[in-house]
Amino acid sequence: MQEYDFSQMPTVSDHVFTAKLQKPEYLKDDWIEPKQREYTSKEHNIWDQLYRR
């Protein structure tokens, strides 16, 4: 398996659009949120339906 360096954008042709993301202040360097928000039962139901497909 090849190791990837995700800290930099890969070199791509001029035909590819890329947008640099701004990391929110509250995220650490790994971009993982400290705690996810609580989801409503309606939101859970939507994901349950999508995964059943």
PDB file of N, CA and C in Angstrom:
ATOM      1  N   MET A   1       0.847  -1.186   0.000  1.00  0.00           N
ATOM      2  CA  MET A   1       0.000   0.000   0.000  1.00  0.00           C
ATOM      3  C   MET A   1       0.884   1.238   0.000  1.00  0.00           C
ATOM      4  N   GLN A   2       0.515   2.204  -0.800  1.00  0.00           N
ATOM      5  CA  GLN A   2       1.305   3.418  -0.940  1.00  0.00           C
ATOM      6  C   GLN A   2       0.910   4.438   0.128  1.00  0.00           C
ATOM      7  N   GLU A   3       1.900   5.109   0.707  1.00  0.00           N
ATOM      8  CA  GLU A   3       1.646   6.168   1.690  1.00  0.00           C
ATOM      9  C   GLU A   3       1.362   7.471   0.944  1.00  0.00           C
ATOM     10  N   TYR A   4       0.391   8.228   1.443  1.00  0.00           N
ATOM     11  CA  TYR A   4       0.047   9.506   0.831  1.00  0.00           C
ATOM     12  C   TYR A   4       0.309  10.636   1.818  1.00  0.00           C
ATOM     13  N   ASP A   5       0.744  11.760   1.297  1.00  0.00           N
ATOM     14  CA  ASP A   5       0.945  12.950   2.113  1.00  0.00           C
ATOM     15  C   ASP A   5      -0.270  13.847   1.895  1.00  0.00           C
ATOM     16  N   PHE A   6      -1.206  13.817   2.842  1.00  0.00           N
ATOM     17  CA  PHE A   6      -2.438  14.584   2.705  1.00  0.00           C
ATOM     18  C   PHE A   6      -2.296  16.015   3.204  1.00  0.00           C
ATOM     19  N   SER A   7      -1.092  16.405   3.592  1.00  0.00           N
ATOM     20  CA  SER A   7      -0.899  17.774   4.072  1.00  0.00           C
ATOM     21  C   SER A   7      -0.754  18.763   2.923  1.00  0.00           C
ATOM     22  N   GLN A   8      -0.574  18.254   1.703  1.00  0.00           N
ATOM     23  CA  GLN A   8      -0.426  19.131   0.541  1.00  0.00           C
ATOM     24  C   GLN A   8      -1.323  18.643  -0.586  1.00  0.00           C
ATOM     25  N   MET A   9      -1.771  19.575  -1.401  1.00  0.00           N
ATOM     26  CA  MET A   9      -2.578  19.212  -2.564  1.00  0.00           C
ATOM     27  C   MET A   9      -1.679  18.528  -3.599  1.00  0.00           C
ATOM     28  N   PRO A  10      -2.185  17.512  -4.269  1.00  0.00           N
ATOM     29  CA  PRO A  10      -1.391  16.885  -5.328  1.00  0.00           C
ATOM     30  C   PRO A  10      -1.289  17.806  -6.540  1.00  0.00           C
ATOM     31  N   THR A  11      -0.326  17.566  -7.371  1.00  0.00           N
ATOM     32  CA  THR A  11      -0.170  18.339  -8.604  1.00  0.00           C
ATOM     33  C   THR A  11      -1.172  17.815  -9.621  1.00  0.00           C
ATOM     34  N   VAL A  12      -2.018  18.720 -10.115  1.00  0.00           N
ATOM     35  CA  VAL A  12      -3.046  18.330 -11.086  1.00  0.00           C
ATOM     36  C   VAL A  12      -2.988  19.266 -12.281  1.00  0.00           C
ATOM     37  N   SER A  13      -3.673  18.882 -13.349  1.00  0.00           N
ATOM     38  CA  SER A  13      -3.667  19.722 -14.548  1.00  0.00           C
ATOM     39  C   SER A  13      -4.506  20.979 -14.324  1.00  0.00           C
ATOM     40  N   ASP A  14      -4.383  21.931 -15.225  1.00  0.00           N
ATOM     41  CA  ASP A  14      -5.129  23.190 -15.124  1.00  0.00           C
ATOM     42  C   ASP A  14      -6.635  22.993 -15.330  1.00  0.00           C
ATOM     43  N   HIS A  15      -7.032  21.835 -15.823  1.00  0.00           N
ATOM     44  CA  HIS A  15      -8.443  21.563 -16.070  1.00  0.00           C
ATOM     45  C   HIS A  15      -9.182  21.102 -14.808  1.00  0.00           C
ATOM     46  N   VAL A  16      -8.458  20.907 -13.731  1.00  0.00           N
ATOM     47  CA  VAL A  16      -9.056  20.427 -12.479  1.00  0.00           C
ATOM     48  C   VAL A  16      -9.215  21.598 -11.522  1.00  0.00           C
ATOM     49  N   PHE A  17     -10.447  21.781 -11.012  1.00  0.00           N
ATOM     50  CA  PHE A  17     -10.707  22.846 -10.050  1.00  0.00           C
ATOM     51  C   PHE A  17     -10.471  22.317  -8.639  1.00  0.00           C
ATOM     52  N   THR A  18      -9.723  23.053  -7.852  1.00  0.00           N
ATOM     53  CA  THR A  18      -9.533  22.709  -6.443  1.00  0.00           C
ATOM     54  C   THR A  18      -9.786  23.951  -5.601  1.00  0.00           C
ATOM     55  N   ALA A  19     -10.300  23.746  -4.417  1.00  0.00           N
ATOM     56  CA  ALA A  19     -10.555  24.849  -3.498  1.00  0.00           C
ATOM     57  C   ALA A  19      -9.835  24.559  -2.193  1.00  0.00           C
ATOM     58  N   LYS A  20      -9.040  25.490  -1.738  1.00  0.00           N
ATOM     59  CA  LYS A  20      -8.319  25.304  -0.487  1.00  0.00           C
ATOM     60  C   LYS A  20      -9.306  25.476   0.664  1.00  0.00           C
ATOM     61  N   LEU A  21      -9.363  24.485   1.537  1.00  0.00           N
ATOM     62  CA  LEU A  21     -10.267  24.535   2.682  1.00  0.00           C
ATOM     63  C   LEU A  21      -9.617  25.279   3.832  1.00  0.00           C
ATOM     64  N   GLN A  22     -10.401  26.065   4.508  1.00  0.00           N
ATOM     65  CA  GLN A  22      -9.925  26.767   5.700  1.00  0.00           C
ATOM     66  C   GLN A  22     -10.330  25.941   6.921  1.00  0.00           C
ATOM     67  N   LYS A  23      -9.361  25.496   7.691  1.00  0.00           N
ATOM     68  CA  LYS A  23      -9.641  24.682   8.863  1.00  0.00           C
ATOM     69  C   LYS A  23     -10.212  25.554   9.967  1.00  0.00           C
ATOM     70  N   PRO A  24     -11.375  25.191  10.521  1.00  0.00           N
ATOM     71  CA  PRO A  24     -11.931  25.964  11.633  1.00  0.00           C
ATOM     72  C   PRO A  24     -10.986  25.954  12.840  1.00  0.00           C
ATOM     73  N   GLU A  25     -11.010  27.006  13.605  1.00  0.00           N
ATOM     74  CA  GLU A  25     -10.087  27.170  14.743  1.00  0.00           C
ATOM     75  C   GLU A  25     -10.189  26.043  15.765  1.00  0.00           C
ATOM     76  N   TYR A  26     -11.404  25.510  15.975  1.00  0.00           N
ATOM     77  CA  TYR A  26     -11.597  24.528  17.036  1.00  0.00           C
ATOM     78  C   TYR A  26     -11.123  23.120  16.666  1.00  0.00           C
ATOM     79  N   LEU A  27     -10.704  22.906  15.408  1.00  0.00           N
ATOM     80  CA  LEU A  27     -10.221  21.592  15.001  1.00  0.00           C
ATOM     81  C   LEU A  27      -8.723  21.482  15.211  1.00  0.00           C
ATOM     82  N   LYS A  28      -8.281  20.275  15.571  1.00  0.00           N
ATOM     83  CA  LYS A  28      -6.842  20.019  15.705  1.00  0.00           C
ATOM     84  C   LYS A  28      -6.252  19.782  14.318  1.00  0.00           C
ATOM     85  N   ASP A  29      -4.974  19.482  14.252  1.00  0.00           N
ATOM     86  CA  ASP A  29      -4.314  19.285  12.967  1.00  0.00           C
ATOM     87  C   ASP A  29      -4.857  18.093  12.185  1.00  0.00           C
ATOM     88  N   ASP A  30      -5.484  17.131  12.868  1.00  0.00           N
ATOM     89  CA  ASP A  30      -6.019  15.962  12.174  1.00  0.00           C
ATOM     90  C   ASP A  30      -7.433  16.197  11.620  1.00  0.00           C
ATOM     91  N   TRP A  31      -7.999  17.395  11.828  1.00  0.00           N
ATOM     92  CA  TRP A  31      -9.301  17.802  11.330  1.00  0.00           C
ATOM     93  C   TRP A  31     -10.463  17.042  11.982  1.00  0.00           C
ATOM     94  N   ILE A  32     -10.221  16.288  13.018  1.00  0.00           N
ATOM     95  CA  ILE A  32     -11.294  15.548  13.682  1.00  0.00           C
ATOM     96  C   ILE A  32     -11.975  16.458  14.688  1.00  0.00           C
ATOM     97  N   GLU A  33     -13.307  16.482  14.645  1.00  0.00           N
ATOM     98  CA  GLU A  33     -14.048  17.319  15.574  1.00  0.00           C
ATOM     99  C   GLU A  33     -13.973  16.728  16.978  1.00  0.00           C
ATOM    100  N   PRO A  34     -13.832  17.587  18.000  1.00  0.00           N
ATOM    101  CA  PRO A  34     -13.739  17.091  19.371  1.00  0.00           C
ATOM    102  C   PRO A  34     -14.980  16.296  19.784  1.00  0.00           C
ATOM    103  N   LYS A  35     -16.158  16.730  19.365  1.00  0.00           N
ATOM    104  CA  LYS A  35     -17.401  16.031  19.688  1.00  0.00           C
ATOM    105  C   LYS A  35     -18.413  16.352  18.607  1.00  0.00           C
ATOM    106  N   GLN A  36     -19.072  15.321  18.113  1.00  0.00           N
ATOM    107  CA  GLN A  36     -20.096  15.561  17.104  1.00  0.00           C
ATOM    108  C   GLN A  36     -21.369  16.049  17.771  1.00  0.00           C
ATOM    109  N   ARG A  37     -22.161  16.778  17.028  1.00  0.00           N
ATOM    110  CA  ARG A  37     -23.417  17.274  17.562  1.00  0.00           C
ATOM    111  C   ARG A  37     -24.405  16.119  17.690  1.00  0.00           C
ATOM    112  N   GLU A  38     -25.462  16.356  18.409  1.00  0.00           N
ATOM    113  CA  GLU A  38     -26.527  15.362  18.555  1.00  0.00           C
ATOM    114  C   GLU A  38     -27.429  15.429  17.326  1.00  0.00           C
ATOM    115  N   TYR A  39     -27.793  14.281  16.782  1.00  0.00           N
ATOM    116  CA  TYR A  39     -28.660  14.232  15.612  1.00  0.00           C
ATOM    117  C   TYR A  39     -30.082  13.888  16.030  1.00  0.00           C
ATOM    118  N   THR A  40     -31.045  14.458  15.317  1.00  0.00           N
ATOM    119  CA  THR A  40     -32.449  14.191  15.619  1.00  0.00           C
ATOM    120  C   THR A  40     -32.831  12.811  15.094  1.00  0.00           C
ATOM    121  N   SER A  41     -33.942  12.301  15.554  1.00  0.00           N
ATOM    122  CA  SER A  41     -34.399  10.994  15.066  1.00  0.00           C
ATOM    123  C   SER A  41     -34.741  11.069  13.579  1.00  0.00           C
ATOM    124  N   LYS A  42     -35.197  12.229  13.112  1.00  0.00           N
ATOM    125  CA  LYS A  42     -35.478  12.404  11.685  1.00  0.00           C
ATOM    126  C   LYS A  42     -34.196  12.295  10.863  1.00  0.00           C
ATOM    127  N   GLU A  43     -33.111  12.908  11.350  1.00  0.00           N
ATOM    128  CA  GLU A  43     -31.824  12.820  10.650  1.00  0.00           C
ATOM    129  C   GLU A  43     -31.302  11.389  10.646  1.00  0.00           C
ATOM    130  N   HIS A  44     -31.419  10.690  11.757  1.00  0.00           N
ATOM    131  CA  HIS A  44     -30.998   9.285  11.816  1.00  0.00           C
ATOM    132  C   HIS A  44     -31.801   8.448  10.829  1.00  0.00           C
ATOM    133  N   ASN A  45     -33.078   8.717  10.728  1.00  0.00           N
ATOM    134  CA  ASN A  45     -33.946   7.974   9.817  1.00  0.00           C
ATOM    135  C   ASN A  45     -33.519   8.164   8.366  1.00  0.00           C
ATOM    136  N   ILE A  46     -33.141   9.380   7.999  1.00  0.00           N
ATOM    137  CA  ILE A  46     -32.679   9.646   6.628  1.00  0.00           C
ATOM    138  C   ILE A  46     -31.448   8.799   6.316  1.00  0.00           C
ATOM    139  N   TRP A  47     -30.480   8.768   7.227  1.00  0.00           N
ATOM    140  CA  TRP A  47     -29.268   7.971   7.006  1.00  0.00           C
ATOM    141  C   TRP A  47     -29.580   6.485   6.976  1.00  0.00           C
ATOM    142  N   ASP A  48     -30.503   6.046   7.840  1.00  0.00           N
ATOM    143  CA  ASP A  48     -30.899   4.635   7.830  1.00  0.00           C
ATOM    144  C   ASP A  48     -31.481   4.247   6.479  1.00  0.00           C
ATOM    145  N   GLN A  49     -32.301   5.128   5.910  1.00  0.00           N
ATOM    146  CA  GLN A  49     -32.892   4.841   4.589  1.00  0.00           C
ATOM    147  C   GLN A  49     -31.831   4.796   3.500  1.00  0.00           C
ATOM    148  N   LEU A  50     -30.876   5.712   3.561  1.00  0.00           N
ATOM    149  CA  LEU A  50     -29.816   5.740   2.545  1.00  0.00           C
ATOM    150  C   LEU A  50     -28.952   4.484   2.594  1.00  0.00           C
ATOM    151  N   TYR A  51     -28.622   4.027   3.795  1.00  0.00           N
ATOM    152  CA  TYR A  51     -27.773   2.844   3.934  1.00  0.00           C
ATOM    153  C   TYR A  51     -28.492   1.554   3.576  1.00  0.00           C
ATOM    154  N   ARG A  52     -29.821   1.545   3.672  1.00  0.00           N
ATOM    155  CA  ARG A  52     -30.585   0.356   3.316  1.00  0.00           C
ATOM    156  C   ARG A  52     -30.611   0.127   1.810  1.00  0.00           C
ATOM    157  N   ARG A  53     -30.360   1.161   1.023  1.00  0.00           N
ATOM    158  CA  ARG A  53     -30.452   1.039  -0.440  1.00  0.00           C
ATOM    159  C   ARG A  53     -29.384   0.139  -0.989  1.00  0.00           C
TER     160      ARG A  53
END
